[in-house]
Every structure is written in C-alpha cells, then in structure tokens.
Amino acid sequence: MLTVHQTIYDRSGGRIGHRILGTPTLLLRTTGAKTRRRRTSALTYARDGDTYLVAASMGGSPRAPGWYYNLRADPGVEIQIGRRRIPVRARAVQPTDPDYQRLWDVVNANNHDRYRGYQRLTARPIPVVVLMPPVN
C-alpha cells in the first residue's frame, strides 16, 4: 500500500497523497550514497516551527532505512509537501542530543504513537531527522 501511495503522490505532482490515513506525508528526494541515483521516499512528517521532522524507523527494523544513509552521505536533499518542493538540509538527532526527547515526542504524537511501538521492536535507537529549509 505504501508503494502505491508514493507512486500516486509522486506521479500526481503532489496533487494527491499529502495525507495518508489522516497523517501528513512528504516526499523525500535523496541521492543514493553508493549508486548516486535519485531516490524518492514517502514519509510521515511533523512540524517543529519552520523545520520538518521525520523518524528513521523503517517499522522497527534492525537497520535504518536506505534514505537515512543517503542523507548522511549528502545532507542537501529536497522534500515535497503537496505540490511544493523545498530544498532542505538534513540533520540526524540521536538520543544523546539534548533536543532528542522533545523532537521524538513531536514526531511520535503526530504519527499516532506508532514510533514508540517501532522502537520496542529494535535495539537500535531510532533517529529523528530534522529537515531545515534555507533561511530567507
């Protein structure tokens, strides 16, 4: 279902797909760390002021999602919110960061407490990724 959602969101230019089951979604466009190919991932997100937050949960998998490794290699990425494309700079926030718990609570609440369940499925700490648009 998620692949179908992402395809519709992407191919409709963002006219369809911004919300899935009441939760806002964005399209994250990264460059493959190894392949250097363009990659697109549909992700639920939350807002924290002017920034966007996503969790690198991969449903509680023992490994982080591929897009996480891509943005670690090249943090200059693009997001699409509905029809709007925004260049952003990605910054991974780990549990040792003083802002982690606050950001985790924001992103988790926005996703109906699903991330807390995903965290119970894996020993790895799930990072929160802050996506910062350029300052005007």
C-alpha atoms as a PDB file:
ATOM      1  CA  MET A   1       0.000   0.000   0.000  1.00  0.00           C
ATOM      2  CA  LEU A   2       2.835   2.417   0.828  1.00  0.00           C
ATOM      3  CA  THR A   3       4.447   1.910  -2.581  1.00  0.00           C
ATOM      4  CA  VAL A   4       1.135   2.658  -4.306  1.00  0.00           C
ATOM      5  CA  HIS A   5       0.683   5.765  -2.163  1.00  0.00           C
ATOM      6  CA  GLN A   6       4.184   7.011  -3.002  1.00  0.00           C
ATOM      7  CA  THR A   7       3.662   6.385  -6.721  1.00  0.00           C
ATOM      8  CA  ILE A   8       0.366   8.309  -6.759  1.00  0.00           C
ATOM      9  CA  TYR A   9       1.836  11.162  -4.705  1.00  0.00           C
ATOM     10  CA  ASP A  10       4.873  11.425  -6.982  1.00  0.00           C
ATOM     11  CA  ARG A  11       3.112  10.986 -10.338  1.00  0.00           C
ATOM     12  CA  SER A  12       0.298  13.402  -9.465  1.00  0.00           C
ATOM     13  CA  GLY A  13       2.873  16.113  -8.795  1.00  0.00           C
ATOM     14  CA  GLY A  14       1.662  16.223  -5.190  1.00  0.00           C
ATOM     15  CA  ARG A  15      -1.988  16.949  -6.013  1.00  0.00           C
ATOM     16  CA  ILE A  16      -2.934  13.603  -4.413  1.00  0.00           C
ATOM     17  CA  GLY A  17      -1.230  11.925  -1.489  1.00  0.00           C
ATOM     18  CA  HIS A  18      -0.209  14.593   1.008  1.00  0.00           C
ATOM     19  CA  ARG A  19      -2.234  12.816   3.697  1.00  0.00           C
ATOM     20  CA  ILE A  20      -2.481   9.083   4.285  1.00  0.00           C
ATOM     21  CA  LEU A  21      -4.885   7.856   6.947  1.00  0.00           C
ATOM     22  CA  GLY A  22      -5.046  11.397   8.338  1.00  0.00           C
ATOM     23  CA  THR A  23      -1.269  11.736   8.725  1.00  0.00           C
ATOM     24  CA  PRO A  24       0.681  14.244   6.616  1.00  0.00           C
ATOM     25  CA  THR A  25       3.300  12.802   4.280  1.00  0.00           C
ATOM     26  CA  LEU A  26       6.153  14.299   2.355  1.00  0.00           C
ATOM     27  CA  LEU A  27       8.317  13.037  -0.450  1.00  0.00           C
ATOM     28  CA  LEU A  28      11.998  12.978   0.466  1.00  0.00           C
ATOM     29  CA  ARG A  29      14.362  13.081  -2.502  1.00  0.00           C
ATOM     30  CA  THR A  30      17.920  11.936  -1.825  1.00  0.00           C
ATOM     31  CA  THR A  31      20.906  10.835  -3.874  1.00  0.00           C
ATOM     32  CA  GLY A  32      22.000   7.228  -3.376  1.00  0.00           C
ATOM     33  CA  ALA A  33      25.129   7.077  -1.218  1.00  0.00           C
ATOM     34  CA  LYS A  34      26.595   4.285  -3.349  1.00  0.00           C
ATOM     35  CA  THR A  35      24.724   4.490  -6.655  1.00  0.00           C
ATOM     36  CA  ARG A  36      24.446   8.311  -6.903  1.00  0.00           C
ATOM     37  CA  ARG A  37      20.944   7.741  -8.341  1.00  0.00           C
ATOM     38  CA  ARG A  38      17.962   9.897  -7.332  1.00  0.00           C
ATOM     39  CA  ARG A  39      15.772   8.175  -4.722  1.00  0.00           C
ATOM     40  CA  THR A  40      12.308   9.180  -3.533  1.00  0.00           C
ATOM     41  CA  SER A  41      10.699   8.065  -0.279  1.00  0.00           C
ATOM     42  CA  ALA A  42       7.229   8.914   1.057  1.00  0.00           C
ATOM     43  CA  LEU A  43       7.454   9.558   4.807  1.00  0.00           C
ATOM     44  CA  THR A  44       5.125  10.795   7.505  1.00  0.00           C
ATOM     45  CA  TYR A  45       6.337  14.048   8.996  1.00  0.00           C
ATOM     46  CA  ALA A  46       5.712  16.530  11.770  1.00  0.00           C
ATOM     47  CA  ARG A  47       6.468  20.233  12.037  1.00  0.00           C
ATOM     48  CA  ASP A  48       8.641  21.942  14.613  1.00  0.00           C
ATOM     49  CA  GLY A  49       8.473  25.634  13.835  1.00  0.00           C
ATOM     50  CA  ASP A  50       9.972  26.116  10.374  1.00  0.00           C
ATOM     51  CA  THR A  51      11.532  22.652  10.289  1.00  0.00           C
ATOM     52  CA  TYR A  52      10.150  19.284   9.261  1.00  0.00           C
ATOM     53  CA  LEU A  53      10.759  16.122  11.270  1.00  0.00           C
ATOM     54  CA  VAL A  54      10.885  12.503  10.120  1.00  0.00           C
ATOM     55  CA  ALA A  55      11.850   9.348  12.018  1.00  0.00           C
ATOM     56  CA  ALA A  56      14.283   6.822  10.537  1.00  0.00           C
ATOM     57  CA  SER A  57      12.233   3.933  11.906  1.00  0.00           C
ATOM     58  CA  MET A  58      11.779   1.505   8.998  1.00  0.00           C
ATOM     59  CA  GLY A  59       8.983  -0.085  11.020  1.00  0.00           C
ATOM     60  CA  GLY A  60      11.338  -1.119  13.823  1.00  0.00           C
ATOM     61  CA  SER A  61      13.787  -2.949  11.561  1.00  0.00           C
ATOM     62  CA  PRO A  62      17.274  -3.609  12.964  1.00  0.00           C
ATOM     63  CA  ARG A  63      18.676  -1.420  10.137  1.00  0.00           C
ATOM     64  CA  ALA A  64      17.893   2.188   9.375  1.00  0.00           C
ATOM     65  CA  PRO A  65      16.144   2.873   6.052  1.00  0.00           C
ATOM     66  CA  GLY A  66      18.242   3.435   2.930  1.00  0.00           C
ATOM     67  CA  TRP A  67      17.216   7.081   2.693  1.00  0.00           C
ATOM     68  CA  TYR A  68      18.832   7.687   6.100  1.00  0.00           C
ATOM     69  CA  TYR A  69      22.237   6.513   4.841  1.00  0.00           C
ATOM     70  CA  ASN A  70      21.764   8.615   1.707  1.00  0.00           C
ATOM     71  CA  LEU A  71      21.159  11.840   3.610  1.00  0.00           C
ATOM     72  CA  ARG A  72      24.039  11.100   5.968  1.00  0.00           C
ATOM     73  CA  ALA A  73      26.299  10.948   2.896  1.00  0.00           C
ATOM     74  CA  ASP A  74      24.725  14.061   1.336  1.00  0.00           C
ATOM     75  CA  PRO A  75      22.551  16.130   3.714  1.00  0.00           C
ATOM     76  CA  GLY A  76      21.472  18.557   0.973  1.00  0.00           C
ATOM     77  CA  VAL A  77      18.134  16.993  -0.021  1.00  0.00           C
ATOM     78  CA  GLU A  78      14.735  18.027  -1.314  1.00  0.00           C
ATOM     79  CA  ILE A  79      11.320  17.486   0.182  1.00  0.00           C
ATOM     80  CA  GLN A  80       7.936  17.858  -1.434  1.00  0.00           C
ATOM     81  CA  ILE A  81       4.923  18.849   0.649  1.00  0.00           C
ATOM     82  CA  GLY A  82       1.867  18.547  -1.549  1.00  0.00           C
ATOM     83  CA  ARG A  83       2.867  20.351  -4.746  1.00  0.00           C
ATOM     84  CA  ARG A  84       5.598  22.455  -3.119  1.00  0.00           C
ATOM     85  CA  ARG A  85       9.252  21.393  -3.473  1.00  0.00           C
ATOM     86  CA  ILE A  86      11.663  22.679  -0.840  1.00  0.00           C
ATOM     87  CA  PRO A  87      15.452  22.302  -0.680  1.00  0.00           C
ATOM     88  CA  VAL A  88      16.447  21.367   2.879  1.00  0.00           C
ATOM     89  CA  ARG A  89      19.476  20.421   4.927  1.00  0.00           C
ATOM     90  CA  ALA A  90      19.122  17.207   6.925  1.00  0.00           C
ATOM     91  CA  ARG A  91      20.489  16.714  10.427  1.00  0.00           C
ATOM     92  CA  ALA A  92      20.134  13.438  12.318  1.00  0.00           C
ATOM     93  CA  VAL A  93      19.325  13.785  16.009  1.00  0.00           C
ATOM     94  CA  GLN A  94      20.284  10.859  18.240  1.00  0.00           C
ATOM     95  CA  PRO A  95      19.098  10.075  21.799  1.00  0.00           C
ATOM     96  CA  THR A  96      22.280  11.641  23.213  1.00  0.00           C
ATOM     97  CA  ASP A  97      21.261  15.058  21.797  1.00  0.00           C
ATOM     98  CA  PRO A  98      19.529  17.335  24.354  1.00  0.00           C
ATOM     99  CA  ASP A  99      16.668  18.052  21.890  1.00  0.00           C
ATOM    100  CA  TYR A 100      16.030  14.404  21.052  1.00  0.00           C
ATOM    101  CA  GLN A 101      13.243  13.642  23.542  1.00  0.00           C
ATOM    102  CA  ARG A 102      11.276  16.781  22.663  1.00  0.00           C
ATOM    103  CA  LEU A 103      11.599  16.116  18.915  1.00  0.00           C
ATOM    104  CA  TRP A 104      10.800  12.408  19.382  1.00  0.00           C
ATOM    105  CA  ASP A 105       7.623  13.322  21.281  1.00  0.00           C
ATOM    106  CA  VAL A 106       6.541  15.702  18.495  1.00  0.00           C
ATOM    107  CA  VAL A 107       7.116  13.235  15.648  1.00  0.00           C
ATOM    108  CA  ASN A 108       5.678  10.290  17.607  1.00  0.00           C
ATOM    109  CA  ALA A 109       2.484  12.141  18.617  1.00  0.00           C
ATOM    110  CA  ASN A 110       1.955  13.237  15.013  1.00  0.00           C
ATOM    111  CA  ASN A 111       2.174   9.596  13.874  1.00  0.00           C
ATOM    112  CA  HIS A 112      -0.391   8.313  16.393  1.00  0.00           C
ATOM    113  CA  ASP A 113       2.259   6.878  18.770  1.00  0.00           C
ATOM    114  CA  ARG A 114       3.470   4.334  16.175  1.00  0.00           C
ATOM    115  CA  TYR A 115       7.160   5.156  16.570  1.00  0.00           C
ATOM    116  CA  ARG A 116       7.138   4.145  20.224  1.00  0.00           C
ATOM    117  CA  GLY A 117       5.959   0.688  19.108  1.00  0.00           C
ATOM    118  CA  TYR A 118       8.633   0.550  16.412  1.00  0.00           C
ATOM    119  CA  GLN A 119      11.309   1.445  18.972  1.00  0.00           C
ATOM    120  CA  ARG A 120      10.252  -1.545  21.093  1.00  0.00           C
ATOM    121  CA  LEU A 121      10.900  -3.821  18.085  1.00  0.00           C
ATOM    122  CA  THR A 122      14.560  -2.851  17.649  1.00  0.00           C
ATOM    123  CA  ALA A 123      17.668  -2.415  19.793  1.00  0.00           C
ATOM    124  CA  ARG A 124      18.991   0.429  17.622  1.00  0.00           C
ATOM    125  CA  PRO A 125      17.976   3.926  18.666  1.00  0.00           C
ATOM    126  CA  ILE A 126      15.655   5.399  16.054  1.00  0.00           C
ATOM    127  CA  PRO A 127      16.998   8.812  14.989  1.00  0.00           C
ATOM    128  CA  VAL A 128      14.813  11.825  14.384  1.00  0.00           C
ATOM    129  CA  VAL A 129      15.862  13.705  11.262  1.00  0.00           C
ATOM    130  CA  VAL A 130      15.427  17.466  11.208  1.00  0.00           C
ATOM    131  CA  LEU A 131      14.905  18.885   7.707  1.00  0.00           C
ATOM    132  CA  MET A 132      15.742  22.596   7.683  1.00  0.00           C
ATOM    133  CA  PRO A 133      14.719  24.856   4.806  1.00  0.00           C
ATOM    134  CA  PRO A 134      17.117  27.672   3.865  1.00  0.00           C
ATOM    135  CA  VAL A 135      16.815  30.841   5.904  1.00  0.00           C
ATOM    136  CA  ASN A 136      15.363  33.691   3.852  1.00  0.00           C
END
